Amino acid sequence: SGSNQPLIAAIVSNIWNAYHTTSVPDTLATQSDAEADTDVTPACTALQCMVLDCEHKRMAIAGVPKMILCIVSGTDVEHGLLKAKLLHLKRYLEEPLSRLDID
């Protein structure tokens, strides 16, 4: 419901930011695959997306320019389908969102 949106946003933001502040060095997060050192393991590269199962919901989260994109579904939606929808939406929104002046 709409009353849960601030709670969902806070949870998603905290999880995403906790991962980035503890697990991903800044230099790796900004490198493209072509620039990345081949000795770096995949676990050390920048997070592309995550899918979380909650008690009554499933969330898929991805970073877009200057924001975090999150879609929420019921638990009946398959993980792969939710991830595919998220990544498609991310590709669609990346360019317009990158033009926003958010600091």
Protein backbone atom coordinates (compact mmCIF):
# COMPACT_ATOMS: atom_id res chain seq x y z
CA SER A 1 0.00 0.00 0.00
CA GLY A 2 1.01 3.65 -0.36
CA SER A 3 1.64 4.05 3.37
CA ASN A 4 4.54 1.57 3.15
CA GLN A 5 6.45 3.49 0.47
CA PRO A 6 8.63 5.56 2.86
CA LEU A 7 9.50 2.41 4.80
CA ILE A 8 10.39 0.49 1.63
CA ALA A 9 12.50 3.42 0.39
CA ALA A 10 14.39 3.60 3.69
CA ILE A 11 15.10 -0.14 3.74
CA VAL A 12 16.23 -0.22 0.11
CA SER A 13 18.44 2.84 0.52
CA ASN A 14 20.11 1.47 3.64
CA ILE A 15 20.79 -1.95 2.11
CA TRP A 16 22.15 -0.50 -1.13
CA ASN A 17 24.34 2.08 0.62
CA ALA A 18 25.63 -0.44 3.17
CA TYR A 19 26.82 -2.67 0.33
CA HIS A 20 28.59 0.18 -1.45
CA THR A 21 30.28 1.65 1.61
CA THR A 22 31.63 -1.68 2.86
CA SER A 23 32.15 -3.88 -0.19
CA VAL A 24 32.98 -1.90 -3.31
CA PRO A 25 36.07 0.29 -3.62
CA ASP A 26 35.25 3.58 -5.41
CA THR A 27 37.70 2.82 -8.22
CA LEU A 28 35.95 -0.45 -9.06
CA ALA A 29 32.48 1.09 -8.96
CA THR A 30 33.43 3.57 -11.68
CA GLN A 31 35.35 1.22 -13.99
CA SER A 32 33.77 -0.36 -17.04
CA ASP A 33 34.30 -4.07 -17.66
CA ALA A 34 36.93 -3.24 -20.29
CA GLU A 35 38.89 -1.06 -17.83
CA ALA A 36 38.64 -3.43 -14.89
CA ASP A 37 41.65 -5.48 -13.88
CA THR A 38 41.25 -9.10 -14.98
CA ASP A 39 42.60 -10.30 -11.62
CA VAL A 40 39.61 -8.80 -9.79
CA THR A 41 37.06 -11.43 -8.85
CA PRO A 42 33.41 -10.92 -9.87
CA ALA A 43 32.45 -10.57 -6.19
CA CYS A 44 34.51 -7.37 -6.01
CA THR A 45 32.92 -5.62 -8.97
CA ALA A 46 30.11 -3.08 -8.74
CA LEU A 47 26.69 -4.35 -7.79
CA GLN A 48 24.33 -4.49 -10.79
CA CYS A 49 21.10 -5.39 -9.01
CA MET A 50 19.68 -7.35 -6.10
CA VAL A 51 16.42 -9.19 -5.52
CA LEU A 52 15.09 -9.38 -1.96
CA ASP A 53 12.39 -11.68 -0.65
CA CYS A 54 10.33 -10.19 2.16
CA GLU A 55 7.42 -11.73 4.04
CA HIS A 56 4.70 -10.52 1.65
CA LYS A 57 6.65 -8.75 -1.11
CA ARG A 58 9.58 -9.23 -3.44
CA MET A 59 11.81 -6.27 -4.34
CA ALA A 60 14.31 -5.80 -7.15
CA ILE A 61 16.82 -2.98 -6.77
CA ALA A 62 19.34 -1.39 -9.16
CA GLY A 63 21.42 1.74 -9.23
CA VAL A 64 20.69 4.36 -11.87
CA PRO A 65 22.48 7.72 -12.22
CA LYS A 66 22.27 9.50 -8.84
CA MET A 67 19.37 7.27 -7.67
CA ILE A 68 18.27 3.81 -6.67
CA LEU A 69 15.53 2.17 -8.72
CA CYS A 70 13.29 -0.29 -6.90
CA ILE A 71 10.30 -2.28 -8.11
CA VAL A 72 8.06 -4.20 -5.74
CA SER A 73 5.91 -7.21 -6.56
CA GLY A 74 4.02 -9.95 -4.84
CA THR A 75 5.89 -13.12 -3.94
CA ASP A 76 4.16 -14.93 -6.81
CA VAL A 77 6.36 -13.13 -9.40
CA GLU A 78 9.40 -15.19 -10.42
CA HIS A 79 12.84 -13.82 -9.46
CA GLY A 80 14.06 -13.90 -13.07
CA LEU A 81 11.02 -12.07 -14.41
CA LEU A 82 11.30 -9.38 -11.75
CA LYS A 83 15.01 -8.93 -12.48
CA ALA A 84 14.37 -8.76 -16.24
CA LYS A 85 11.69 -6.08 -15.75
CA LEU A 86 13.99 -4.10 -13.46
CA LEU A 87 16.93 -4.17 -15.87
CA HIS A 88 14.70 -3.22 -18.82
CA LEU A 89 13.27 -0.29 -16.85
CA LYS A 90 16.79 0.71 -15.78
CA ARG A 91 18.01 0.82 -19.40
CA TYR A 92 14.94 2.86 -20.38
CA LEU A 93 15.37 5.41 -17.56
CA GLU A 94 19.17 5.77 -17.38
CA GLU A 95 19.52 8.50 -20.00
CA PRO A 96 16.60 10.72 -18.85
CA LEU A 97 17.54 10.34 -15.17
CA SER A 98 21.17 11.22 -15.87
CA ARG A 99 19.97 14.67 -17.04
CA LEU A 100 18.40 15.49 -13.66
CA ASP A 101 20.32 17.96 -11.53
CA ILE A 102 20.36 16.10 -8.19
CA ASP A 103 23.15 16.60 -5.67
